[in-house]
Amino acid sequence: MPEYVQVGEVQSFEEHIRKRLREHLNNAADDLATGGATDYADYRFRVGVIQGLAIAEREILDLIEIARKAES
């Protein structure tokens, strides 16, 4: 069982994906901010990862909102 899922903890898909994306985004940003990049190419790669995670998070949040509006 992955370490981020605790026994007895039930999350909706929405909660789970939002939490995991945010964790990945925060970890990548923290790593970059604390000098994790080894050179400029690595820096650019890491910035791209952060940008991709931010785009994915925004798209998922938008889809969740659309689905909620459709339900009501």
PDB file of N, CA and C in Angstrom:
ATOM      1  N   MET A   1       0.852  -1.178   0.000  1.00  0.00           N
ATOM      2  CA  MET A   1       0.000   0.000   0.000  1.00  0.00           C
ATOM      3  C   MET A   1       0.897   1.239   0.000  1.00  0.00           C
ATOM      4  N   PRO A   2       0.626   2.211  -0.875  1.00  0.00           N
ATOM      5  CA  PRO A   2       1.450   3.432  -0.903  1.00  0.00           C
ATOM      6  C   PRO A   2       1.442   4.134   0.451  1.00  0.00           C
ATOM      7  N   GLU A   3       2.533   4.801   0.761  1.00  0.00           N
ATOM      8  CA  GLU A   3       2.685   5.442   2.062  1.00  0.00           C
ATOM      9  C   GLU A   3       1.699   6.571   2.316  1.00  0.00           C
ATOM     10  N   TYR A   4       1.160   7.182   1.281  1.00  0.00           N
ATOM     11  CA  TYR A   4       0.265   8.313   1.463  1.00  0.00           C
ATOM     12  C   TYR A   4      -1.173   7.899   1.748  1.00  0.00           C
ATOM     13  N   VAL A   5      -1.488   6.603   1.659  1.00  0.00           N
ATOM     14  CA  VAL A   5      -2.823   6.120   1.980  1.00  0.00           C
ATOM     15  C   VAL A   5      -2.749   5.447   3.335  1.00  0.00           C
ATOM     16  N   GLN A   6      -3.510   5.952   4.269  1.00  0.00           N
ATOM     17  CA  GLN A   6      -3.506   5.394   5.617  1.00  0.00           C
ATOM     18  C   GLN A   6      -4.681   4.449   5.783  1.00  0.00           C
ATOM     19  N   VAL A   7      -4.462   3.411   6.542  1.00  0.00           N
ATOM     20  CA  VAL A   7      -5.508   2.422   6.784  1.00  0.00           C
ATOM     21  C   VAL A   7      -6.712   3.121   7.410  1.00  0.00           C
ATOM     22  N   GLY A   8      -7.871   2.831   6.897  1.00  0.00           N
ATOM     23  CA  GLY A   8      -9.092   3.401   7.435  1.00  0.00           C
ATOM     24  C   GLY A   8      -9.436   4.772   6.863  1.00  0.00           C
ATOM     25  N   GLU A   9      -8.535   5.338   6.074  1.00  0.00           N
ATOM     26  CA  GLU A   9      -8.781   6.662   5.499  1.00  0.00           C
ATOM     27  C   GLU A   9      -9.442   6.495   4.135  1.00  0.00           C
ATOM     28  N   VAL A  10     -10.602   7.082   3.999  1.00  0.00           N
ATOM     29  CA  VAL A  10     -11.316   6.998   2.735  1.00  0.00           C
ATOM     30  C   VAL A  10     -11.384   8.400   2.147  1.00  0.00           C
ATOM     31  N   GLN A  11     -10.904   8.513   0.930  1.00  0.00           N
ATOM     32  CA  GLN A  11     -10.935   9.796   0.246  1.00  0.00           C
ATOM     33  C   GLN A  11     -11.635   9.616  -1.089  1.00  0.00           C
ATOM     34  N   SER A  12     -12.280  10.661  -1.519  1.00  0.00           N
ATOM     35  CA  SER A  12     -12.843  10.627  -2.852  1.00  0.00           C
ATOM     36  C   SER A  12     -11.696  10.778  -3.842  1.00  0.00           C
ATOM     37  N   PHE A  13     -11.938  10.417  -5.074  1.00  0.00           N
ATOM     38  CA  PHE A  13     -10.928  10.587  -6.107  1.00  0.00           C
ATOM     39  C   PHE A  13     -10.507  12.054  -6.174  1.00  0.00           C
ATOM     40  N   GLU A  14     -11.484  12.939  -6.087  1.00  0.00           N
ATOM     41  CA  GLU A  14     -11.203  14.376  -6.143  1.00  0.00           C
ATOM     42  C   GLU A  14     -10.237  14.792  -5.040  1.00  0.00           C
ATOM     43  N   GLU A  15     -10.525  14.398  -3.817  1.00  0.00           N
ATOM     44  CA  GLU A  15      -9.658  14.761  -2.697  1.00  0.00           C
ATOM     45  C   GLU A  15      -8.267  14.179  -2.867  1.00  0.00           C
ATOM     46  N   HIS A  16      -8.216  12.930  -3.276  1.00  0.00           N
ATOM     47  CA  HIS A  16      -6.936  12.242  -3.426  1.00  0.00           C
ATOM     48  C   HIS A  16      -6.069  12.912  -4.490  1.00  0.00           C
ATOM     49  N   ILE A  17      -6.621  13.154  -5.662  1.00  0.00           N
ATOM     50  CA  ILE A  17      -5.810  13.710  -6.765  1.00  0.00           C
ATOM     51  C   ILE A  17      -5.391  15.144  -6.460  1.00  0.00           C
ATOM     52  N   ARG A  18      -6.269  15.920  -5.851  1.00  0.00           N
ATOM     53  CA  ARG A  18      -5.906  17.292  -5.491  1.00  0.00           C
ATOM     54  C   ARG A  18      -4.770  17.303  -4.477  1.00  0.00           C
ATOM     55  N   LYS A  19      -4.869  16.439  -3.470  1.00  0.00           N
ATOM     56  CA  LYS A  19      -3.850  16.369  -2.431  1.00  0.00           C
ATOM     57  C   LYS A  19      -2.505  15.934  -3.009  1.00  0.00           C
ATOM     58  N   ARG A  20      -2.511  14.898  -3.828  1.00  0.00           N
ATOM     59  CA  ARG A  20      -1.258  14.375  -4.389  1.00  0.00           C
ATOM     60  C   ARG A  20      -0.611  15.374  -5.343  1.00  0.00           C
ATOM     61  N   LEU A  21      -1.400  16.017  -6.190  1.00  0.00           N
ATOM     62  CA  LEU A  21      -0.827  17.025  -7.095  1.00  0.00           C
ATOM     63  C   LEU A  21      -0.201  18.167  -6.314  1.00  0.00           C
ATOM     64  N   ARG A  22      -0.893  18.622  -5.284  1.00  0.00           N
ATOM     65  CA  ARG A  22      -0.377  19.720  -4.467  1.00  0.00           C
ATOM     66  C   ARG A  22       0.904  19.306  -3.747  1.00  0.00           C
ATOM     67  N   GLU A  23       0.962  18.069  -3.256  1.00  0.00           N
ATOM     68  CA  GLU A  23       2.181  17.579  -2.604  1.00  0.00           C
ATOM     69  C   GLU A  23       3.356  17.563  -3.577  1.00  0.00           C
ATOM     70  N   HIS A  24       3.114  17.025  -4.771  1.00  0.00           N
ATOM     71  CA  HIS A  24       4.177  16.988  -5.786  1.00  0.00           C
ATOM     72  C   HIS A  24       4.632  18.400  -6.152  1.00  0.00           C
ATOM     73  N   LEU A  25       3.684  19.291  -6.325  1.00  0.00           N
ATOM     74  CA  LEU A  25       4.000  20.673  -6.683  1.00  0.00           C
ATOM     75  C   LEU A  25       4.812  21.349  -5.593  1.00  0.00           C
ATOM     76  N   ASN A  26       4.385  21.219  -4.356  1.00  0.00           N
ATOM     77  CA  ASN A  26       5.111  21.831  -3.235  1.00  0.00           C
ATOM     78  C   ASN A  26       6.510  21.241  -3.080  1.00  0.00           C
ATOM     79  N   ASN A  27       6.623  19.915  -3.203  1.00  0.00           N
ATOM     80  CA  ASN A  27       7.933  19.277  -3.077  1.00  0.00           C
ATOM     81  C   ASN A  27       8.886  19.737  -4.175  1.00  0.00           C
ATOM     82  N   ALA A  28       8.382  19.819  -5.401  1.00  0.00           N
ATOM     83  CA  ALA A  28       9.227  20.260  -6.520  1.00  0.00           C
ATOM     84  C   ALA A  28       9.659  21.713  -6.332  1.00  0.00           C
ATOM     85  N   ALA A  29       8.740  22.556  -5.899  1.00  0.00           N
ATOM     86  CA  ALA A  29       9.071  23.971  -5.693  1.00  0.00           C
ATOM     87  C   ALA A  29      10.046  24.143  -4.533  1.00  0.00           C
ATOM     88  N   ASP A  30       9.840  23.401  -3.455  1.00  0.00           N
ATOM     89  CA  ASP A  30      10.755  23.479  -2.309  1.00  0.00           C
ATOM     90  C   ASP A  30      12.151  23.011  -2.694  1.00  0.00           C
ATOM     91  N   ASP A  31      12.211  21.923  -3.449  1.00  0.00           N
ATOM     92  CA  ASP A  31      13.499  21.392  -3.876  1.00  0.00           C
ATOM     93  C   ASP A  31      14.242  22.408  -4.744  1.00  0.00           C
ATOM     94  N   LEU A  32      13.528  23.034  -5.646  1.00  0.00           N
ATOM     95  CA  LEU A  32      14.140  24.033  -6.515  1.00  0.00           C
ATOM     96  C   LEU A  32      14.588  25.256  -5.712  1.00  0.00           C
ATOM     97  N   ALA A  33      13.760  25.681  -4.781  1.00  0.00           N
ATOM     98  CA  ALA A  33      14.069  26.868  -3.978  1.00  0.00           C
ATOM     99  C   ALA A  33      15.267  26.669  -3.060  1.00  0.00           C
ATOM    100  N   THR A  34      15.543  25.433  -2.714  1.00  0.00           N
ATOM    101  CA  THR A  34      16.659  25.165  -1.812  1.00  0.00           C
ATOM    102  C   THR A  34      17.915  24.710  -2.555  1.00  0.00           C
ATOM    103  N   GLY A  35      17.960  25.006  -3.853  1.00  0.00           N
ATOM    104  CA  GLY A  35      19.169  24.730  -4.626  1.00  0.00           C
ATOM    105  C   GLY A  35      19.289  23.320  -5.151  1.00  0.00           C
ATOM    106  N   GLY A  36      18.182  22.661  -5.385  1.00  0.00           N
ATOM    107  CA  GLY A  36      18.204  21.279  -5.849  1.00  0.00           C
ATOM    108  C   GLY A  36      18.697  21.087  -7.268  1.00  0.00           C
ATOM    109  N   ALA A  37      18.663  22.134  -8.069  1.00  0.00           N
ATOM    110  CA  ALA A  37      19.103  22.005  -9.467  1.00  0.00           C
ATOM    111  C   ALA A  37      20.627  21.948  -9.534  1.00  0.00           C
ATOM    112  N   THR A  38      21.128  21.013 -10.326  1.00  0.00           N
ATOM    113  CA  THR A  38      22.582  20.842 -10.432  1.00  0.00           C
ATOM    114  C   THR A  38      23.217  21.771 -11.453  1.00  0.00           C
ATOM    115  N   ASP A  39      22.438  22.173 -12.444  1.00  0.00           N
ATOM    116  CA  ASP A  39      22.926  23.099 -13.471  1.00  0.00           C
ATOM    117  C   ASP A  39      21.720  23.767 -14.134  1.00  0.00           C
ATOM    118  N   TYR A  40      21.983  24.607 -15.125  1.00  0.00           N
ATOM    119  CA  TYR A  40      20.897  25.362 -15.746  1.00  0.00           C
ATOM    120  C   TYR A  40      19.910  24.442 -16.468  1.00  0.00           C
ATOM    121  N   ALA A  41      20.396  23.403 -17.109  1.00  0.00           N
ATOM    122  CA  ALA A  41      19.503  22.463 -17.794  1.00  0.00           C
ATOM    123  C   ALA A  41      18.585  21.767 -16.787  1.00  0.00           C
ATOM    124  N   ASP A  42      19.135  21.374 -15.656  1.00  0.00           N
ATOM    125  CA  ASP A  42      18.340  20.740 -14.608  1.00  0.00           C
ATOM    126  C   ASP A  42      17.330  21.731 -14.041  1.00  0.00           C
ATOM    127  N   TYR A  43      17.751  22.970 -13.867  1.00  0.00           N
ATOM    128  CA  TYR A  43      16.857  24.030 -13.394  1.00  0.00           C
ATOM    129  C   TYR A  43      15.669  24.177 -14.343  1.00  0.00           C
ATOM    130  N   ARG A  44      15.955  24.248 -15.640  1.00  0.00           N
ATOM    131  CA  ARG A  44      14.890  24.394 -16.640  1.00  0.00           C
ATOM    132  C   ARG A  44      13.949  23.197 -16.613  1.00  0.00           C
ATOM    133  N   PHE A  45      14.516  22.008 -16.465  1.00  0.00           N
ATOM    134  CA  PHE A  45      13.692  20.807 -16.383  1.00  0.00           C
ATOM    135  C   PHE A  45      12.756  20.880 -15.180  1.00  0.00           C
ATOM    136  N   ARG A  46      13.307  21.235 -14.029  1.00  0.00           N
ATOM    137  CA  ARG A  46      12.507  21.299 -12.798  1.00  0.00           C
ATOM    138  C   ARG A  46      11.419  22.366 -12.885  1.00  0.00           C
ATOM    139  N   VAL A  47      11.726  23.496 -13.490  1.00  0.00           N
ATOM    140  CA  VAL A  47      10.717  24.531 -13.694  1.00  0.00           C
ATOM    141  C   VAL A  47       9.608  23.997 -14.592  1.00  0.00           C
ATOM    142  N   GLY A  48       9.966  23.236 -15.612  1.00  0.00           N
ATOM    143  CA  GLY A  48       8.971  22.625 -16.492  1.00  0.00           C
ATOM    144  C   GLY A  48       8.070  21.647 -15.757  1.00  0.00           C
ATOM    145  N   VAL A  49       8.653  20.873 -14.855  1.00  0.00           N
ATOM    146  CA  VAL A  49       7.856  19.942 -14.046  1.00  0.00           C
ATOM    147  C   VAL A  49       6.854  20.720 -13.195  1.00  0.00           C
ATOM    148  N   ILE A  50       7.317  21.769 -12.555  1.00  0.00           N
ATOM    149  CA  ILE A  50       6.435  22.595 -11.717  1.00  0.00           C
ATOM    150  C   ILE A  50       5.325  23.210 -12.569  1.00  0.00           C
ATOM    151  N   GLN A  51       5.685  23.708 -13.726  1.00  0.00           N
ATOM    152  CA  GLN A  51       4.698  24.306 -14.621  1.00  0.00           C
ATOM    153  C   GLN A  51       3.667  23.260 -15.065  1.00  0.00           C
ATOM    154  N   GLY A  52       4.121  22.069 -15.392  1.00  0.00           N
ATOM    155  CA  GLY A  52       3.208  21.006 -15.810  1.00  0.00           C
ATOM    156  C   GLY A  52       2.267  20.586 -14.693  1.00  0.00           C
ATOM    157  N   LEU A  53       2.795  20.467 -13.483  1.00  0.00           N
ATOM    158  CA  LEU A  53       1.945  20.117 -12.348  1.00  0.00           C
ATOM    159  C   LEU A  53       0.909  21.206 -12.073  1.00  0.00           C
ATOM    160  N   ALA A  54       1.318  22.460 -12.189  1.00  0.00           N
ATOM    161  CA  ALA A  54       0.386  23.575 -11.960  1.00  0.00           C
ATOM    162  C   ALA A  54      -0.726  23.579 -13.012  1.00  0.00           C
ATOM    163  N   ILE A  55      -0.377  23.306 -14.255  1.00  0.00           N
ATOM    164  CA  ILE A  55      -1.385  23.247 -15.322  1.00  0.00           C
ATOM    165  C   ILE A  55      -2.344  22.084 -15.072  1.00  0.00           C
ATOM    166  N   ALA A  56      -1.796  20.930 -14.722  1.00  0.00           N
ATOM    167  CA  ALA A  56      -2.640  19.762 -14.448  1.00  0.00           C
ATOM    168  C   ALA A  56      -3.596  20.038 -13.288  1.00  0.00           C
ATOM    169  N   GLU A  57      -3.084  20.652 -12.224  1.00  0.00           N
ATOM    170  CA  GLU A  57      -3.923  20.976 -11.075  1.00  0.00           C
ATOM    171  C   GLU A  57      -5.052  21.919 -11.484  1.00  0.00           C
ATOM    172  N   ARG A  58      -4.731  22.939 -12.235  1.00  0.00           N
ATOM    173  CA  ARG A  58      -5.748  23.902 -12.659  1.00  0.00           C
ATOM    174  C   ARG A  58      -6.819  23.240 -13.527  1.00  0.00           C
ATOM    175  N   GLU A  59      -6.399  22.396 -14.454  1.00  0.00           N
ATOM    176  CA  GLU A  59      -7.355  21.709 -15.334  1.00  0.00           C
ATOM    177  C   GLU A  59      -8.279  20.799 -14.527  1.00  0.00           C
ATOM    178  N   ILE A  60      -7.718  20.081 -13.564  1.00  0.00           N
ATOM    179  CA  ILE A  60      -8.532  19.192 -12.735  1.00  0.00           C
ATOM    180  C   ILE A  60      -9.506  19.990 -11.881  1.00  0.00           C
ATOM    181  N   LEU A  61      -9.052  21.079 -11.297  1.00  0.00           N
ATOM    182  CA  LEU A  61      -9.955  21.916 -10.500  1.00  0.00           C
ATOM    183  C   LEU A  61     -11.085  22.484 -11.356  1.00  0.00           C
ATOM    184  N   ASP A  62     -10.756  22.879 -12.578  1.00  0.00           N
ATOM    185  CA  ASP A  62     -11.789  23.390 -13.492  1.00  0.00           C
ATOM    186  C   ASP A  62     -12.809  22.304 -13.826  1.00  0.00           C
ATOM    187  N   LEU A  63     -12.337  21.077 -14.086  1.00  0.00           N
ATOM    188  CA  LEU A  63     -13.247  19.973 -14.391  1.00  0.00           C
ATOM    189  C   LEU A  63     -14.134  19.637 -13.197  1.00  0.00           C
ATOM    190  N   ILE A  64     -13.577  19.680 -12.013  1.00  0.00           N
ATOM    191  CA  ILE A  64     -14.361  19.411 -10.801  1.00  0.00           C
ATOM    192  C   ILE A  64     -15.469  20.449 -10.656  1.00  0.00           C
ATOM    193  N   GLU A  65     -15.130  21.702 -10.887  1.00  0.00           N
ATOM    194  CA  GLU A  65     -16.132  22.765 -10.776  1.00  0.00           C
ATOM    195  C   GLU A  65     -17.229  22.601 -11.832  1.00  0.00           C
ATOM    196  N   ILE A  66     -16.848  22.258 -13.044  1.00  0.00           N
ATOM    197  CA  ILE A  66     -17.837  22.029 -14.111  1.00  0.00           C
ATOM    198  C   ILE A  66     -18.769  20.883 -13.719  1.00  0.00           C
ATOM    199  N   ALA A  67     -18.199  19.796 -13.194  1.00  0.00           N
ATOM    200  CA  ALA A  67     -19.001  18.642 -12.790  1.00  0.00           C
ATOM    201  C   ALA A  67     -19.960  19.010 -11.658  1.00  0.00           C
ATOM    202  N   ARG A  68     -19.496  19.791 -10.705  1.00  0.00           N
ATOM    203  CA  ARG A  68     -20.356  20.214  -9.583  1.00  0.00           C
ATOM    204  C   ARG A  68     -21.524  21.063 -10.081  1.00  0.00           C
ATOM    205  N   LYS A  69     -21.230  21.968 -11.005  1.00  0.00           N
ATOM    206  CA  LYS A  69     -22.298  22.814 -11.543  1.00  0.00           C
ATOM    207  C   LYS A  69     -23.313  21.994 -12.316  1.00  0.00           C
ATOM    208  N   ALA A  70     -22.833  20.969 -13.014  1.00  0.00           N
ATOM    209  CA  ALA A  70     -23.729  20.114 -13.790  1.00  0.00           C
ATOM    210  C   ALA A  70     -24.638  19.278 -12.885  1.00  0.00           C
ATOM    211  N   GLU A  71     -24.138  18.937 -11.687  1.00  0.00           N
ATOM    212  CA  GLU A  71     -24.919  18.153 -10.741  1.00  0.00           C
ATOM    213  C   GLU A  71     -26.041  18.948 -10.093  1.00  0.00           C
ATOM    214  N   SER A  72     -25.864  20.250 -10.020  1.00  0.00           N
ATOM    215  CA  SER A  72     -26.874  21.058  -9.320  1.00  0.00           C
ATOM    216  C   SER A  72     -27.927  21.612 -10.236  1.00  0.00           C
TER     217      SER A  72
END
